[in-house]
Amino acid sequence: QVQLVESGGGLVQAGGSLRLSCAASGRTFSNYAMSWFRQAPGMEREFVATISGSGSVTYYADSVKGRFTISRDNAKNTVHLQMNSLKPEDTAVYYCNANGRASGMDYWGKGTLVTVSS
């Protein structure tokens, strides 16, 4: 019902920046809170950032606070993650997530790989 496609991953040096994008299909995009999660090699998937349907409320994991910024454009059905001051420990597959207000259903993209070299 809701399809998510991430893009923008790649290889970047420590201290550099990268901007991830997530394109969503489906109706009433603004009804969904959107989040980014990541999973590093050999580790559990962890929360990175979330943004409310209207875009008025954001929340970040302590590990990325001050470096990453989540945003959304409801007219374009997109969500973004601006990543600055990247560290090698940010290396992971980054996943886009949509959570439905009424249904409570979760939808996931297939992920995009971010590799930060030292």
Protein backbone atom coordinates (compact mmCIF):
# COMPACT_ATOMS: atom_id res chain seq x y z
CA GLN A 1 0.00 0.00 0.00
CA VAL A 2 2.89 2.35 0.83
CA GLN A 3 6.12 1.93 -1.08
CA LEU A 4 9.37 3.59 -0.01
CA VAL A 5 12.54 3.98 -2.05
CA GLU A 6 15.75 5.35 -0.51
CA SER A 7 18.53 7.02 -2.46
CA GLY A 8 21.62 9.15 -1.91
CA GLY A 9 23.89 6.66 -0.19
CA GLY A 10 27.50 6.27 -1.16
CA LEU A 11 31.11 6.55 -0.05
CA VAL A 12 32.27 9.66 1.78
CA GLN A 13 35.33 10.59 3.84
CA ALA A 14 35.10 11.29 7.56
CA GLY A 15 33.98 14.85 8.17
CA GLY A 16 32.06 14.98 4.93
CA SER A 17 28.35 15.28 4.22
CA LEU A 18 25.69 13.26 2.49
CA ARG A 19 21.97 13.79 1.88
CA LEU A 20 19.64 10.81 1.83
CA SER A 21 16.22 10.89 0.22
CA CYS A 22 13.16 8.68 0.55
CA ALA A 23 10.42 8.78 -2.05
CA ALA A 24 7.01 7.51 -0.97
CA SER A 25 4.05 6.31 -2.97
CA GLY A 26 0.49 6.02 -1.73
CA ARG A 27 -2.25 8.29 -0.52
CA THR A 28 -2.20 10.83 2.32
CA PHE A 29 1.54 10.99 2.90
CA SER A 30 1.05 13.65 5.57
CA ASN A 31 -0.78 11.11 7.76
CA TYR A 32 2.47 9.19 8.25
CA ALA A 33 5.21 9.93 10.69
CA MET A 34 8.49 9.27 8.89
CA SER A 35 11.69 7.94 10.39
CA TRP A 36 15.20 6.89 9.49
CA PHE A 37 16.81 3.78 10.97
CA ARG A 38 20.22 2.29 10.30
CA GLN A 39 21.94 -1.05 10.65
CA ALA A 40 25.71 -1.37 10.83
CA PRO A 41 27.49 -4.64 10.01
CA GLY A 42 27.01 -7.17 12.80
CA MET A 43 24.74 -4.87 14.80
CA GLU A 44 21.03 -4.46 15.49
CA ARG A 45 18.95 -1.95 13.59
CA GLU A 46 18.80 1.34 15.49
CA PHE A 47 16.67 4.46 15.44
CA VAL A 48 18.20 7.59 13.91
CA ALA A 49 15.54 10.30 13.51
CA THR A 50 11.81 10.85 13.18
CA ILE A 51 9.51 13.61 11.97
CA SER A 52 5.78 14.09 12.52
CA GLY A 53 3.27 14.15 9.69
CA SER A 54 3.12 17.93 9.56
CA GLY A 55 6.87 18.28 10.00
CA SER A 56 6.44 20.32 13.17
CA VAL A 57 8.06 17.82 15.54
CA THR A 58 11.41 16.07 15.15
CA TYR A 59 13.42 13.78 17.38
CA TYR A 60 16.95 12.42 17.05
CA ALA A 61 19.08 9.72 18.55
CA ASP A 62 21.77 11.14 20.82
CA SER A 63 24.47 9.74 18.57
CA VAL A 64 23.45 11.96 15.63
CA LYS A 65 21.98 15.00 17.38
CA GLY A 66 23.53 18.20 16.10
CA ARG A 67 24.94 16.50 13.01
CA PHE A 68 21.88 15.10 11.20
CA THR A 69 18.70 16.89 10.16
CA ILE A 70 15.47 15.21 9.08
CA SER A 71 12.99 17.07 6.88
CA ARG A 72 9.99 16.35 4.69
CA ASP A 73 8.16 17.81 1.72
CA ASN A 74 4.57 16.58 1.77
CA ALA A 75 3.83 18.13 -1.63
CA LYS A 76 6.51 15.88 -3.14
CA ASN A 77 5.96 12.85 -0.88
CA THR A 78 9.60 12.86 0.17
CA VAL A 79 11.63 12.78 3.36
CA HIS A 80 15.32 13.64 3.64
CA LEU A 81 18.19 13.11 6.02
CA GLN A 82 20.99 15.65 5.82
CA MET A 83 24.09 14.11 7.38
CA ASN A 84 27.01 16.37 8.27
CA SER A 85 30.30 15.76 10.06
CA LEU A 86 30.11 12.09 9.22
CA LYS A 87 32.10 9.59 11.25
CA PRO A 88 33.23 6.05 10.38
CA GLU A 89 30.77 4.75 12.98
CA ASP A 90 27.94 6.20 10.87
CA THR A 91 28.65 3.50 8.30
CA ALA A 92 25.46 1.49 7.89
CA VAL A 93 22.54 0.67 5.67
CA TYR A 94 19.99 3.43 6.19
CA TYR A 95 16.30 2.56 6.03
CA CYS A 96 13.27 4.79 5.55
CA ASN A 97 10.20 4.00 7.66
CA ALA A 98 6.58 5.16 7.50
CA ASN A 99 4.17 4.71 10.39
CA GLY A 100 0.45 5.10 9.74
CA ARG A 101 -1.53 7.26 12.12
CA ALA A 102 -4.78 5.33 12.02
CA SER A 103 -3.60 1.81 11.26
CA GLY A 104 -0.32 1.69 13.15
CA MET A 105 1.19 -0.16 10.20
CA ASP A 106 4.89 0.13 9.48
CA TYR A 107 6.34 0.30 5.98
CA TRP A 108 10.01 -0.04 5.10
CA GLY A 109 12.25 0.72 2.18
CA LYS A 110 15.02 -1.63 1.11
CA GLY A 111 17.77 0.67 2.36
CA THR A 112 20.70 2.62 0.98
CA LEU A 113 24.32 2.01 1.99
CA VAL A 114 26.39 4.79 3.55
CA THR A 115 30.11 4.12 3.94
CA VAL A 116 32.29 6.62 5.79
CA SER A 117 36.03 6.11 5.37
CA SER A 118 38.67 7.26 7.85
